[in-house]
Amino acid sequence: MLKALVNSGANKSIFINTLVAINIVKFFWTIVVSLNSNCHICSYNGKTEEQITHAIILHLAVNRCCQANVPMLITNLGQHDIILEWKWCEKHNI
């Protein structure tokens, strides 16, 4: 089980912590996908953070809502495992 942060500023994306993604790949033999172009993200204070170059596609289950093949951008999230976009939660009534 992973802990998620719901963030209204996540801009139609779901983010997964780099270390969590590495462990998932090792355990489930899942592949990581290279992005066609680098994705730049800004932190909560508006500063540009590192570029995101890879994503992982996983099934996501939150409070009885399940969605298959969800792309998640891999980046360093500090203490968070996953950051969910607020609109995703609204769309799925979470």
PDB file of N, CA and C in Angstrom:
ATOM      1  N   MET A   1       0.845  -1.170   0.000  1.00  0.00           N
ATOM      2  CA  MET A   1       0.000   0.000   0.000  1.00  0.00           C
ATOM      3  C   MET A   1       0.892   1.236   0.000  1.00  0.00           C
ATOM      4  N   LEU A   2       0.524   2.180  -0.843  1.00  0.00           N
ATOM      5  CA  LEU A   2       1.279   3.420  -0.948  1.00  0.00           C
ATOM      6  C   LEU A   2       0.449   4.573  -0.408  1.00  0.00           C
ATOM      7  N   LYS A   3       1.126   5.589   0.073  1.00  0.00           N
ATOM      8  CA  LYS A   3       0.444   6.783   0.568  1.00  0.00           C
ATOM      9  C   LYS A   3       0.444   7.827  -0.528  1.00  0.00           C
ATOM     10  N   ALA A   4      -0.728   8.430  -0.735  1.00  0.00           N
ATOM     11  CA  ALA A   4      -0.868   9.419  -1.795  1.00  0.00           C
ATOM     12  C   ALA A   4      -1.220  10.792  -1.224  1.00  0.00           C
ATOM     13  N   LEU A   5      -0.746  11.816  -1.890  1.00  0.00           N
ATOM     14  CA  LEU A   5      -1.094  13.200  -1.594  1.00  0.00           C
ATOM     15  C   LEU A   5      -1.966  13.679  -2.741  1.00  0.00           C
ATOM     16  N   VAL A   6      -3.107  14.274  -2.429  1.00  0.00           N
ATOM     17  CA  VAL A   6      -3.967  14.846  -3.461  1.00  0.00           C
ATOM     18  C   VAL A   6      -3.584  16.312  -3.582  1.00  0.00           C
ATOM     19  N   ASN A   7      -3.329  16.749  -4.819  1.00  0.00           N
ATOM     20  CA  ASN A   7      -2.816  18.084  -5.048  1.00  0.00           C
ATOM     21  C   ASN A   7      -3.590  18.741  -6.187  1.00  0.00           C
ATOM     22  N   SER A   8      -4.155  19.899  -5.919  1.00  0.00           N
ATOM     23  CA  SER A   8      -4.935  20.601  -6.939  1.00  0.00           C
ATOM     24  C   SER A   8      -4.058  21.184  -8.036  1.00  0.00           C
ATOM     25  N   GLY A   9      -2.763  21.295  -7.796  1.00  0.00           N
ATOM     26  CA  GLY A   9      -1.868  21.871  -8.795  1.00  0.00           C
ATOM     27  C   GLY A   9      -1.105  20.847  -9.604  1.00  0.00           C
ATOM     28  N   ALA A  10      -1.521  19.589  -9.571  1.00  0.00           N
ATOM     29  CA  ALA A  10      -0.776  18.534 -10.260  1.00  0.00           C
ATOM     30  C   ALA A  10      -0.990  18.528 -11.773  1.00  0.00           C
ATOM     31  N   ASN A  11      -1.870  19.367 -12.283  1.00  0.00           N
ATOM     32  CA  ASN A  11      -2.045  19.586 -13.727  1.00  0.00           C
ATOM     33  C   ASN A  11      -2.224  18.325 -14.559  1.00  0.00           C
ATOM     34  N   LYS A  12      -3.273  17.593 -14.287  1.00  0.00           N
ATOM     35  CA  LYS A  12      -3.659  16.431 -15.094  1.00  0.00           C
ATOM     36  C   LYS A  12      -2.611  15.332 -15.115  1.00  0.00           C
ATOM     37  N   SER A  13      -1.816  15.250 -14.086  1.00  0.00           N
ATOM     38  CA  SER A  13      -0.777  14.225 -14.033  1.00  0.00           C
ATOM     39  C   SER A  13      -0.817  13.508 -12.701  1.00  0.00           C
ATOM     40  N   ILE A  14      -0.304  12.303 -12.727  1.00  0.00           N
ATOM     41  CA  ILE A  14      -0.085  11.546 -11.505  1.00  0.00           C
ATOM     42  C   ILE A  14       1.413  11.297 -11.427  1.00  0.00           C
ATOM     43  N   PHE A  15       1.993  11.588 -10.284  1.00  0.00           N
ATOM     44  CA  PHE A  15       3.425  11.453 -10.084  1.00  0.00           C
ATOM     45  C   PHE A  15       3.705  10.318  -9.114  1.00  0.00           C
ATOM     46  N   ILE A  16       4.801   9.602  -9.337  1.00  0.00           N
ATOM     47  CA  ILE A  16       5.219   8.531  -8.438  1.00  0.00           C
ATOM     48  C   ILE A  16       6.677   8.763  -8.066  1.00  0.00           C
ATOM     49  N   ASN A  17       6.996   8.515  -6.817  1.00  0.00           N
ATOM     50  CA  ASN A  17       8.347   8.711  -6.317  1.00  0.00           C
ATOM     51  C   ASN A  17       9.321   7.760  -7.011  1.00  0.00           C
ATOM     52  N   THR A  18      10.485   8.257  -7.325  1.00  0.00           N
ATOM     53  CA  THR A  18      11.502   7.476  -8.033  1.00  0.00           C
ATOM     54  C   THR A  18      11.820   6.166  -7.314  1.00  0.00           C
ATOM     55  N   LEU A  19      12.045   6.220  -6.009  1.00  0.00           N
ATOM     56  CA  LEU A  19      12.395   5.000  -5.265  1.00  0.00           C
ATOM     57  C   LEU A  19      11.253   3.994  -5.251  1.00  0.00           C
ATOM     58  N   VAL A  20      10.028   4.474  -5.184  1.00  0.00           N
ATOM     59  CA  VAL A  20       8.862   3.581  -5.232  1.00  0.00           C
ATOM     60  C   VAL A  20       8.799   2.912  -6.598  1.00  0.00           C
ATOM     61  N   ALA A  21       8.986   3.688  -7.665  1.00  0.00           N
ATOM     62  CA  ALA A  21       8.954   3.131  -9.022  1.00  0.00           C
ATOM     63  C   ALA A  21      10.039   2.070  -9.211  1.00  0.00           C
ATOM     64  N   ILE A  22      11.237   2.325  -8.697  1.00  0.00           N
ATOM     65  CA  ILE A  22      12.330   1.357  -8.805  1.00  0.00           C
ATOM     66  C   ILE A  22      11.953   0.049  -8.112  1.00  0.00           C
ATOM     67  N   ASN A  23      11.381   0.143  -6.918  1.00  0.00           N
ATOM     68  CA  ASN A  23      10.976  -1.060  -6.188  1.00  0.00           C
ATOM     69  C   ASN A  23       9.855  -1.802  -6.906  1.00  0.00           C
ATOM     70  N   ILE A  24       8.928  -1.085  -7.499  1.00  0.00           N
ATOM     71  CA  ILE A  24       7.844  -1.730  -8.253  1.00  0.00           C
ATOM     72  C   ILE A  24       8.395  -2.481  -9.448  1.00  0.00           C
ATOM     73  N   VAL A  25       9.324  -1.850 -10.163  1.00  0.00           N
ATOM     74  CA  VAL A  25       9.926  -2.502 -11.336  1.00  0.00           C
ATOM     75  C   VAL A  25      10.645  -3.781 -10.927  1.00  0.00           C
ATOM     76  N   LYS A  26      11.387  -3.736  -9.829  1.00  0.00           N
ATOM     77  CA  LYS A  26      12.116  -4.913  -9.358  1.00  0.00           C
ATOM     78  C   LYS A  26      11.169  -6.042  -8.942  1.00  0.00           C
ATOM     79  N   PHE A  27      10.095  -5.681  -8.247  1.00  0.00           N
ATOM     80  CA  PHE A  27       9.195  -6.690  -7.699  1.00  0.00           C
ATOM     81  C   PHE A  27       8.253  -7.269  -8.744  1.00  0.00           C
ATOM     82  N   PHE A  28       7.679  -6.406  -9.591  1.00  0.00           N
ATOM     83  CA  PHE A  28       6.664  -6.847 -10.546  1.00  0.00           C
ATOM     84  C   PHE A  28       7.188  -7.018 -11.966  1.00  0.00           C
ATOM     85  N   TRP A  29       8.451  -6.757 -12.191  1.00  0.00           N
ATOM     86  CA  TRP A  29       9.051  -6.863 -13.518  1.00  0.00           C
ATOM     87  C   TRP A  29       8.306  -5.981 -14.529  1.00  0.00           C
ATOM     88  N   THR A  30       7.912  -4.827 -14.080  1.00  0.00           N
ATOM     89  CA  THR A  30       7.228  -3.849 -14.920  1.00  0.00           C
ATOM     90  C   THR A  30       8.278  -3.014 -15.650  1.00  0.00           C
ATOM     91  N   ILE A  31       7.905  -2.489 -16.800  1.00  0.00           N
ATOM     92  CA  ILE A  31       8.867  -1.673 -17.534  1.00  0.00           C
ATOM     93  C   ILE A  31       8.616  -0.193 -17.304  1.00  0.00           C
ATOM     94  N   VAL A  32       9.647   0.584 -17.522  1.00  0.00           N
ATOM     95  CA  VAL A  32       9.591   2.035 -17.461  1.00  0.00           C
ATOM     96  C   VAL A  32       9.633   2.540 -18.897  1.00  0.00           C
ATOM     97  N   VAL A  33       8.849   3.555 -19.184  1.00  0.00           N
ATOM     98  CA  VAL A  33       8.731   4.093 -20.537  1.00  0.00           C
ATOM     99  C   VAL A  33       9.439   5.444 -20.610  1.00  0.00           C
ATOM    100  N   SER A  34      10.275   5.619 -21.623  1.00  0.00           N
ATOM    101  CA  SER A  34      10.905   6.927 -21.852  1.00  0.00           C
ATOM    102  C   SER A  34       9.889   7.866 -22.479  1.00  0.00           C
ATOM    103  N   LEU A  35       9.866   9.101 -22.015  1.00  0.00           N
ATOM    104  CA  LEU A  35       8.971  10.096 -22.598  1.00  0.00           C
ATOM    105  C   LEU A  35       9.554  10.596 -23.912  1.00  0.00           C
ATOM    106  N   ASN A  36       8.695  10.968 -24.841  1.00  0.00           N
ATOM    107  CA  ASN A  36       9.156  11.500 -26.130  1.00  0.00           C
ATOM    108  C   ASN A  36       9.901  12.815 -25.964  1.00  0.00           C
ATOM    109  N   SER A  37       9.493  13.596 -24.987  1.00  0.00           N
ATOM    110  CA  SER A  37      10.194  14.840 -24.666  1.00  0.00           C
ATOM    111  C   SER A  37      10.198  14.994 -23.154  1.00  0.00           C
ATOM    112  N   ASN A  38      11.211  15.688 -22.641  1.00  0.00           N
ATOM    113  CA  ASN A  38      11.312  15.868 -21.198  1.00  0.00           C
ATOM    114  C   ASN A  38      10.170  16.739 -20.693  1.00  0.00           C
ATOM    115  N   CYS A  39       9.732  16.455 -19.507  1.00  0.00           N
ATOM    116  CA  CYS A  39       8.643  17.178 -18.866  1.00  0.00           C
ATOM    117  C   CYS A  39       9.242  17.991 -17.727  1.00  0.00           C
ATOM    118  N   HIS A  40       9.027  19.285 -17.748  1.00  0.00           N
ATOM    119  CA  HIS A  40       9.517  20.151 -16.677  1.00  0.00           C
ATOM    120  C   HIS A  40       8.397  20.349 -15.658  1.00  0.00           C
ATOM    121  N   ILE A  41       8.742  20.287 -14.393  1.00  0.00           N
ATOM    122  CA  ILE A  41       7.735  20.524 -13.361  1.00  0.00           C
ATOM    123  C   ILE A  41       8.177  21.664 -12.466  1.00  0.00           C
ATOM    124  N   CYS A  42       7.189  22.324 -11.881  1.00  0.00           N
ATOM    125  CA  CYS A  42       7.450  23.389 -10.916  1.00  0.00           C
ATOM    126  C   CYS A  42       6.950  22.920  -9.567  1.00  0.00           C
ATOM    127  N   SER A  43       7.694  23.237  -8.536  1.00  0.00           N
ATOM    128  CA  SER A  43       7.281  22.858  -7.188  1.00  0.00           C
ATOM    129  C   SER A  43       6.190  23.809  -6.701  1.00  0.00           C
ATOM    130  N   TYR A  44       5.705  23.576  -5.497  1.00  0.00           N
ATOM    131  CA  TYR A  44       4.628  24.379  -4.932  1.00  0.00           C
ATOM    132  C   TYR A  44       4.968  25.859  -4.855  1.00  0.00           C
ATOM    133  N   ASN A  45       6.273  26.182  -4.762  1.00  0.00           N
ATOM    134  CA  ASN A  45       6.673  27.585  -4.661  1.00  0.00           C
ATOM    135  C   ASN A  45       7.023  28.199  -6.014  1.00  0.00           C
ATOM    136  N   GLY A  46       6.741  27.492  -7.095  1.00  0.00           N
ATOM    137  CA  GLY A  46       6.945  28.019  -8.433  1.00  0.00           C
ATOM    138  C   GLY A  46       8.337  27.816  -9.010  1.00  0.00           C
ATOM    139  N   LYS A  47       9.243  27.231  -8.234  1.00  0.00           N
ATOM    140  CA  LYS A  47      10.593  26.982  -8.735  1.00  0.00           C
ATOM    141  C   LYS A  47      10.595  25.762  -9.642  1.00  0.00           C
ATOM    142  N   THR A  48      11.360  25.846 -10.724  1.00  0.00           N
ATOM    143  CA  THR A  48      11.465  24.720 -11.643  1.00  0.00           C
ATOM    144  C   THR A  48      12.295  23.623 -11.002  1.00  0.00           C
ATOM    145  N   GLU A  49      11.754  22.434 -11.021  1.00  0.00           N
ATOM    146  CA  GLU A  49      12.436  21.277 -10.460  1.00  0.00           C
ATOM    147  C   GLU A  49      13.113  20.508 -11.592  1.00  0.00           C
ATOM    148  N   GLU A  50      13.588  19.331 -11.280  1.00  0.00           N
ATOM    149  CA  GLU A  50      14.247  18.490 -12.265  1.00  0.00           C
ATOM    150  C   GLU A  50      13.320  18.129 -13.422  1.00  0.00           C
ATOM    151  N   GLN A  51      13.896  17.703 -14.505  1.00  0.00           N
ATOM    152  CA  GLN A  51      13.119  17.257 -15.649  1.00  0.00           C
ATOM    153  C   GLN A  51      12.670  15.820 -15.427  1.00  0.00           C
ATOM    154  N   ILE A  52      11.491  15.520 -15.895  1.00  0.00           N
ATOM    155  CA  ILE A  52      10.992  14.151 -15.837  1.00  0.00           C
ATOM    156  C   ILE A  52      11.217  13.539 -17.210  1.00  0.00           C
ATOM    157  N   THR A  53      11.844  12.384 -17.231  1.00  0.00           N
ATOM    158  CA  THR A  53      12.193  11.742 -18.491  1.00  0.00           C
ATOM    159  C   THR A  53      11.526  10.384 -18.677  1.00  0.00           C
ATOM    160  N   HIS A  54      10.909   9.843 -17.606  1.00  0.00           N
ATOM    161  CA  HIS A  54      10.335   8.494 -17.675  1.00  0.00           C
ATOM    162  C   HIS A  54       8.990   8.426 -16.962  1.00  0.00           C
ATOM    163  N   ALA A  55       8.215   7.441 -17.370  1.00  0.00           N
ATOM    164  CA  ALA A  55       6.926   7.163 -16.733  1.00  0.00           C
ATOM    165  C   ALA A  55       6.802   5.662 -16.543  1.00  0.00           C
ATOM    166  N   ILE A  56       5.895   5.284 -15.679  1.00  0.00           N
ATOM    167  CA  ILE A  56       5.578   3.883 -15.460  1.00  0.00           C
ATOM    168  C   ILE A  56       4.065   3.753 -15.596  1.00  0.00           C
ATOM    169  N   ILE A  57       3.606   2.660 -16.143  1.00  0.00           N
ATOM    170  CA  ILE A  57       2.170   2.459 -16.338  1.00  0.00           C
ATOM    171  C   ILE A  57       1.713   1.355 -15.385  1.00  0.00           C
ATOM    172  N   LEU A  58       0.808   1.726 -14.488  1.00  0.00           N
ATOM    173  CA  LEU A  58       0.353   0.812 -13.441  1.00  0.00           C
ATOM    174  C   LEU A  58      -1.165   0.850 -13.326  1.00  0.00           C
ATOM    175  N   HIS A  59      -1.711  -0.113 -12.619  1.00  0.00           N
ATOM    176  CA  HIS A  59      -3.121  -0.077 -12.258  1.00  0.00           C
ATOM    177  C   HIS A  59      -3.212   0.687 -10.943  1.00  0.00           C
ATOM    178  N   LEU A  60      -4.248   1.491 -10.808  1.00  0.00           N
ATOM    179  CA  LEU A  60      -4.413   2.338  -9.633  1.00  0.00           C
ATOM    180  C   LEU A  60      -5.756   2.031  -8.978  1.00  0.00           C
ATOM    181  N   ALA A  61      -5.733   1.804  -7.682  1.00  0.00           N
ATOM    182  CA  ALA A  61      -6.954   1.581  -6.914  1.00  0.00           C
ATOM    183  C   ALA A  61      -6.957   2.514  -5.715  1.00  0.00           C
ATOM    184  N   VAL A  62      -8.014   3.328  -5.622  1.00  0.00           N
ATOM    185  CA  VAL A  62      -8.159   4.268  -4.514  1.00  0.00           C
ATOM    186  C   VAL A  62      -9.609   4.196  -4.046  1.00  0.00           C
ATOM    187  N   ASN A  63      -9.814   3.833  -2.797  1.00  0.00           N
ATOM    188  CA  ASN A  63     -11.165   3.784  -2.214  1.00  0.00           C
ATOM    189  C   ASN A  63     -12.184   3.110  -3.125  1.00  0.00           C
ATOM    190  N   ARG A  64     -11.938   1.902  -3.509  1.00  0.00           N
ATOM    191  CA  ARG A  64     -12.818   1.082  -4.350  1.00  0.00           C
ATOM    192  C   ARG A  64     -12.896   1.536  -5.807  1.00  0.00           C
ATOM    193  N   CYS A  65     -12.200   2.569  -6.172  1.00  0.00           N
ATOM    194  CA  CYS A  65     -12.156   3.003  -7.567  1.00  0.00           C
ATOM    195  C   CYS A  65     -10.879   2.436  -8.185  1.00  0.00           C
ATOM    196  N   CYS A  66     -11.041   1.687  -9.263  1.00  0.00           N
ATOM    197  CA  CYS A  66      -9.894   1.072  -9.924  1.00  0.00           C
ATOM    198  C   CYS A  66      -9.792   1.580 -11.355  1.00  0.00           C
ATOM    199  N   GLN A  67      -8.591   1.858 -11.776  1.00  0.00           N
ATOM    200  CA  GLN A  67      -8.343   2.267 -13.151  1.00  0.00           C
ATOM    201  C   GLN A  67      -7.105   1.527 -13.641  1.00  0.00           C
ATOM    202  N   ALA A  68      -7.208   0.915 -14.807  1.00  0.00           N
ATOM    203  CA  ALA A  68      -6.095   0.161 -15.385  1.00  0.00           C
ATOM    204  C   ALA A  68      -5.234   1.058 -16.257  1.00  0.00           C
ATOM    205  N   ASN A  69      -3.974   0.690 -16.354  1.00  0.00           N
ATOM    206  CA  ASN A  69      -3.020   1.334 -17.264  1.00  0.00           C
ATOM    207  C   ASN A  69      -2.935   2.846 -17.099  1.00  0.00           C
ATOM    208  N   VAL A  70      -2.640   3.266 -15.887  1.00  0.00           N
ATOM    209  CA  VAL A  70      -2.514   4.688 -15.568  1.00  0.00           C
ATOM    210  C   VAL A  70      -1.044   5.098 -15.701  1.00  0.00           C
ATOM    211  N   PRO A  71      -0.733   6.044 -16.594  1.00  0.00           N
ATOM    212  CA  PRO A  71       0.649   6.511 -16.681  1.00  0.00           C
ATOM    213  C   PRO A  71       0.975   7.413 -15.485  1.00  0.00           C
ATOM    214  N   MET A  72       2.127   7.160 -14.887  1.00  0.00           N
ATOM    215  CA  MET A  72       2.583   7.948 -13.743  1.00  0.00           C
ATOM    216  C   MET A  72       3.976   8.461 -14.047  1.00  0.00           C
ATOM    217  N   LEU A  73       4.157   9.769 -13.909  1.00  0.00           N
ATOM    218  CA  LEU A  73       5.453  10.382 -14.156  1.00  0.00           C
ATOM    219  C   LEU A  73       6.373  10.128 -12.969  1.00  0.00           C
ATOM    220  N   ILE A  74       7.588   9.697 -13.248  1.00  0.00           N
ATOM    221  CA  ILE A  74       8.539   9.334 -12.194  1.00  0.00           C
ATOM    222  C   ILE A  74       9.412  10.534 -11.851  1.00  0.00           C
ATOM    223  N   THR A  75       9.414  10.892 -10.574  1.00  0.00           N
ATOM    224  CA  THR A  75      10.227  12.005 -10.094  1.00  0.00           C
ATOM    225  C   THR A  75      10.467  11.850  -8.594  1.00  0.00           C
ATOM    226  N   ASN A  76      11.358  12.636  -8.050  1.00  0.00           N
ATOM    227  CA  ASN A  76      11.633  12.602  -6.612  1.00  0.00           C
ATOM    228  C   ASN A  76      10.556  13.406  -5.892  1.00  0.00           C
ATOM    229  N   LEU A  77       9.826  12.745  -5.016  1.00  0.00           N
ATOM    230  CA  LEU A  77       8.717  13.383  -4.301  1.00  0.00           C
ATOM    231  C   LEU A  77       8.988  13.559  -2.816  1.00  0.00           C
ATOM    232  N   GLY A  78      10.203  13.353  -2.388  1.00  0.00           N
ATOM    233  CA  GLY A  78      10.501  13.490  -0.964  1.00  0.00           C
ATOM    234  C   GLY A  78       9.781  12.433  -0.163  1.00  0.00           C
ATOM    235  N   GLN A  79       8.915  12.842   0.743  1.00  0.00           N
ATOM    236  CA  GLN A  79       8.247  11.908   1.651  1.00  0.00           C
ATOM    237  C   GLN A  79       6.971  11.290   1.074  1.00  0.00           C
ATOM    238  N   HIS A  80       6.545  11.708  -0.102  1.00  0.00           N
ATOM    239  CA  HIS A  80       5.307  11.188  -0.687  1.00  0.00           C
ATOM    240  C   HIS A  80       5.599  10.055  -1.659  1.00  0.00           C
ATOM    241  N   ASP A  81       4.715   9.048  -1.668  1.00  0.00           N
ATOM    242  CA  ASP A  81       4.846   7.936  -2.617  1.00  0.00           C
ATOM    243  C   ASP A  81       4.238   8.296  -3.963  1.00  0.00           C
ATOM    244  N   ILE A  82       3.062   8.901  -3.921  1.00  0.00           N
ATOM    245  CA  ILE A  82       2.319   9.269  -5.124  1.00  0.00           C
ATOM    246  C   ILE A  82       1.654  10.626  -4.890  1.00  0.00           C
ATOM    247  N   ILE A  83       1.582  11.437  -5.943  1.00  0.00           N
ATOM    248  CA  ILE A  83       0.787  12.661  -5.913  1.00  0.00           C
ATOM    249  C   ILE A  83      -0.289  12.515  -6.980  1.00  0.00           C
ATOM    250  N   LEU A  84      -1.536  12.599  -6.542  1.00  0.00           N
ATOM    251  CA  LEU A  84      -2.687  12.488  -7.433  1.00  0.00           C
ATOM    252  C   LEU A  84      -3.237  13.869  -7.746  1.00  0.00           C
ATOM    253  N   GLU A  85      -3.633  14.062  -8.973  1.00  0.00           N
ATOM    254  CA  GLU A  85      -4.283  15.299  -9.359  1.00  0.00           C
ATOM    255  C   GLU A  85      -5.676  15.341  -8.746  1.00  0.00           C
ATOM    256  N   TRP A  86      -6.075  16.486  -8.235  1.00  0.00           N
ATOM    257  CA  TRP A  86      -7.382  16.641  -7.603  1.00  0.00           C
ATOM    258  C   TRP A  86      -8.508  16.312  -8.573  1.00  0.00           C
ATOM    259  N   LYS A  87      -8.373  16.708  -9.842  1.00  0.00           N
ATOM    260  CA  LYS A  87      -9.429  16.457 -10.827  1.00  0.00           C
ATOM    261  C   LYS A  87      -9.632  14.965 -11.064  1.00  0.00           C
ATOM    262  N   TRP A  88      -8.571  14.161 -10.955  1.00  0.00           N
ATOM    263  CA  TRP A  88      -8.710  12.713 -11.088  1.00  0.00           C
ATOM    264  C   TRP A  88      -9.614  12.198  -9.970  1.00  0.00           C
ATOM    265  N   CYS A  89      -9.393  12.698  -8.781  1.00  0.00           N
ATOM    266  CA  CYS A  89     -10.214  12.272  -7.636  1.00  0.00           C
ATOM    267  C   CYS A  89     -11.665  12.691  -7.818  1.00  0.00           C
ATOM    268  N   GLU A  90     -11.890  13.918  -8.301  1.00  0.00           N
ATOM    269  CA  GLU A  90     -13.257  14.376  -8.548  1.00  0.00           C
ATOM    270  C   GLU A  90     -13.940  13.528  -9.610  1.00  0.00           C
ATOM    271  N   LYS A  91     -13.214  13.237 -10.694  1.00  0.00           N
ATOM    272  CA  LYS A  91     -13.764  12.458 -11.793  1.00  0.00           C
ATOM    273  C   LYS A  91     -14.208  11.077 -11.322  1.00  0.00           C
ATOM    274  N   HIS A  92     -13.496  10.508 -10.354  1.00  0.00           N
ATOM    275  CA  HIS A  92     -13.782   9.160  -9.853  1.00  0.00           C
ATOM    276  C   HIS A  92     -14.525   9.186  -8.517  1.00  0.00           C
ATOM    277  N   ASN A  93     -15.048  10.343  -8.155  1.00  0.00           N
ATOM    278  CA  ASN A  93     -15.853  10.501  -6.922  1.00  0.00           C
ATOM    279  C   ASN A  93     -15.121  10.043  -5.664  1.00  0.00           C
ATOM    280  N   ILE A  94     -13.884  10.459  -5.558  1.00  0.00           N
ATOM    281  CA  ILE A  94     -13.085  10.096  -4.373  1.00  0.00           C
ATOM    282  C   ILE A  94     -12.907  11.316  -3.497  1.00  0.00           C
TER     283      ILE A  94
END
